[in-house]
Amino acid sequence: MSEEMKNAYKMLDINNKRNQLSNELIMMYELIKKFESDRGISPITQVKNYDSLNDYDLTEDEILTFFYEDIYNIEQELITLLSMIER
């Protein structure tokens, strides 16, 4: 990641940082899902979309849990995918 990208992220307010992080997690999930779909594998999890209008008032603990769930679900998809590839 370039310094320019990191600096642009630093300049965002907390709500927009959360939204950007959510977007990145969704993109990772969509790439995995596309790969699975191309191989006839059904996703076993889902990733949530942070709603910057409705979720802005989540506490730090709540937002960390929100993102932890998404990261865990992406991990589960990767484990499933890698298990299928190894067969």
C-alpha atoms as a PDB file:
ATOM      1  CA  MET A   1       0.000   0.000   0.000  1.00  0.00           C
ATOM      2  CA  SER A   2       1.366   3.369  -0.937  1.00  0.00           C
ATOM      3  CA  GLU A   3       1.981   6.134   1.576  1.00  0.00           C
ATOM      4  CA  GLU A   4      -0.432   8.261  -0.432  1.00  0.00           C
ATOM      5  CA  MET A   5      -3.237   5.731   0.108  1.00  0.00           C
ATOM      6  CA  LYS A   6      -2.448   5.443   3.822  1.00  0.00           C
ATOM      7  CA  ASN A   7      -2.446   9.213   4.202  1.00  0.00           C
ATOM      8  CA  ALA A   8      -5.764   9.514   2.352  1.00  0.00           C
ATOM      9  CA  TYR A   9      -7.247   6.919   4.723  1.00  0.00           C
ATOM     10  CA  LYS A  10      -5.859   8.765   7.763  1.00  0.00           C
ATOM     11  CA  MET A  11      -7.648  11.913   6.649  1.00  0.00           C
ATOM     12  CA  LEU A  12     -11.084  10.218   6.708  1.00  0.00           C
ATOM     13  CA  ASP A  13     -13.353  10.621   9.713  1.00  0.00           C
ATOM     14  CA  ILE A  14     -14.092   7.517  11.805  1.00  0.00           C
ATOM     15  CA  ASN A  15     -17.393   6.743  10.080  1.00  0.00           C
ATOM     16  CA  ASN A  16     -15.791   6.867   6.638  1.00  0.00           C
ATOM     17  CA  LYS A  17     -12.839   4.789   7.844  1.00  0.00           C
ATOM     18  CA  ARG A  18     -15.283   2.149   9.051  1.00  0.00           C
ATOM     19  CA  ASN A  19     -17.109   2.285   5.735  1.00  0.00           C
ATOM     20  CA  GLN A  20     -13.877   1.948   3.758  1.00  0.00           C
ATOM     21  CA  LEU A  21     -12.773  -1.014   5.864  1.00  0.00           C
ATOM     22  CA  SER A  22     -16.147  -2.646   5.302  1.00  0.00           C
ATOM     23  CA  ASN A  23     -15.840  -2.056   1.554  1.00  0.00           C
ATOM     24  CA  GLU A  24     -12.426  -3.737   1.505  1.00  0.00           C
ATOM     25  CA  LEU A  25     -13.765  -6.776   3.385  1.00  0.00           C
ATOM     26  CA  ILE A  26     -16.717  -7.002   1.005  1.00  0.00           C
ATOM     27  CA  MET A  27     -14.368  -6.852  -1.976  1.00  0.00           C
ATOM     28  CA  MET A  28     -12.270  -9.700  -0.557  1.00  0.00           C
ATOM     29  CA  TYR A  29     -15.405 -11.737   0.062  1.00  0.00           C
ATOM     30  CA  GLU A  30     -16.744 -11.063  -3.449  1.00  0.00           C
ATOM     31  CA  LEU A  31     -13.464 -12.211  -5.018  1.00  0.00           C
ATOM     32  CA  ILE A  32     -13.607 -15.447  -3.020  1.00  0.00           C
ATOM     33  CA  LYS A  33     -17.292 -15.902  -3.860  1.00  0.00           C
ATOM     34  CA  LYS A  34     -16.598 -15.433  -7.587  1.00  0.00           C
ATOM     35  CA  PHE A  35     -13.823 -18.007  -7.474  1.00  0.00           C
ATOM     36  CA  GLU A  36     -16.134 -20.418  -5.628  1.00  0.00           C
ATOM     37  CA  SER A  37     -18.977 -19.781  -8.053  1.00  0.00           C
ATOM     38  CA  ASP A  38     -16.735 -20.511 -11.038  1.00  0.00           C
ATOM     39  CA  ARG A  39     -16.035 -23.913  -9.481  1.00  0.00           C
ATOM     40  CA  GLY A  40     -19.619 -24.708  -8.454  1.00  0.00           C
ATOM     41  CA  ILE A  41     -18.988 -24.173  -4.733  1.00  0.00           C
ATOM     42  CA  SER A  42     -21.735 -22.523  -2.708  1.00  0.00           C
ATOM     43  CA  PRO A  43     -20.623 -19.938  -0.132  1.00  0.00           C
ATOM     44  CA  ILE A  44     -21.174 -21.026   3.467  1.00  0.00           C
ATOM     45  CA  THR A  45     -21.073 -17.551   5.029  1.00  0.00           C
ATOM     46  CA  GLN A  46     -21.899 -13.931   4.383  1.00  0.00           C
ATOM     47  CA  VAL A  47     -20.178 -10.609   4.974  1.00  0.00           C
ATOM     48  CA  LYS A  48     -22.149  -7.636   6.239  1.00  0.00           C
ATOM     49  CA  ASN A  49     -22.112  -4.185   4.720  1.00  0.00           C
ATOM     50  CA  TYR A  50     -21.389  -1.382   7.172  1.00  0.00           C
ATOM     51  CA  ASP A  51     -24.102   1.230   6.699  1.00  0.00           C
ATOM     52  CA  SER A  52     -22.509   4.622   7.314  1.00  0.00           C
ATOM     53  CA  LEU A  53     -25.936   6.192   7.844  1.00  0.00           C
ATOM     54  CA  ASN A  54     -27.334   3.656  10.310  1.00  0.00           C
ATOM     55  CA  ASP A  55     -24.256   2.101  11.920  1.00  0.00           C
ATOM     56  CA  TYR A  56     -22.255   5.252  12.704  1.00  0.00           C
ATOM     57  CA  ASP A  57     -23.262   5.147  16.372  1.00  0.00           C
ATOM     58  CA  LEU A  58     -21.846   1.668  17.049  1.00  0.00           C
ATOM     59  CA  THR A  59     -19.413   1.652  19.940  1.00  0.00           C
ATOM     60  CA  GLU A  60     -15.804   0.642  19.402  1.00  0.00           C
ATOM     61  CA  ASP A  61     -16.569  -2.765  20.926  1.00  0.00           C
ATOM     62  CA  GLU A  62     -19.570  -3.238  18.636  1.00  0.00           C
ATOM     63  CA  ILE A  63     -17.683  -2.220  15.510  1.00  0.00           C
ATOM     64  CA  LEU A  64     -14.743  -4.467  16.371  1.00  0.00           C
ATOM     65  CA  THR A  65     -17.179  -7.370  16.786  1.00  0.00           C
ATOM     66  CA  PHE A  66     -18.870  -6.401  13.497  1.00  0.00           C
ATOM     67  CA  PHE A  67     -15.570  -6.553  11.610  1.00  0.00           C
ATOM     68  CA  TYR A  68     -14.331  -9.607  13.512  1.00  0.00           C
ATOM     69  CA  GLU A  69     -17.391 -11.543  12.327  1.00  0.00           C
ATOM     70  CA  ASP A  70     -16.685 -10.550   8.729  1.00  0.00           C
ATOM     71  CA  ILE A  71     -13.001 -11.471   8.967  1.00  0.00           C
ATOM     72  CA  TYR A  72     -13.914 -14.804  10.545  1.00  0.00           C
ATOM     73  CA  ASN A  73     -16.440 -15.506   7.765  1.00  0.00           C
ATOM     74  CA  ILE A  74     -13.875 -14.686   5.078  1.00  0.00           C
ATOM     75  CA  GLU A  75     -11.454 -17.034   6.812  1.00  0.00           C
ATOM     76  CA  GLN A  76     -14.085 -19.812   6.776  1.00  0.00           C
ATOM     77  CA  GLU A  77     -14.667 -19.294   3.053  1.00  0.00           C
ATOM     78  CA  LEU A  78     -10.920 -19.498   2.402  1.00  0.00           C
ATOM     79  CA  ILE A  79     -10.623 -22.691   4.451  1.00  0.00           C
ATOM     80  CA  THR A  80     -13.523 -24.243   2.530  1.00  0.00           C
ATOM     81  CA  LEU A  81     -12.101 -23.116  -0.778  1.00  0.00           C
ATOM     82  CA  LEU A  82      -8.619 -24.404  -0.028  1.00  0.00           C
ATOM     83  CA  SER A  83     -10.056 -27.738   1.145  1.00  0.00           C
ATOM     84  CA  MET A  84     -11.921 -28.109  -2.147  1.00  0.00           C
ATOM     85  CA  ILE A  85      -8.838 -27.179  -4.195  1.00  0.00           C
ATOM     86  CA  GLU A  86      -6.692 -29.733  -2.367  1.00  0.00           C
ATOM     87  CA  ARG A  87      -9.104 -32.567  -3.252  1.00  0.00           C
END
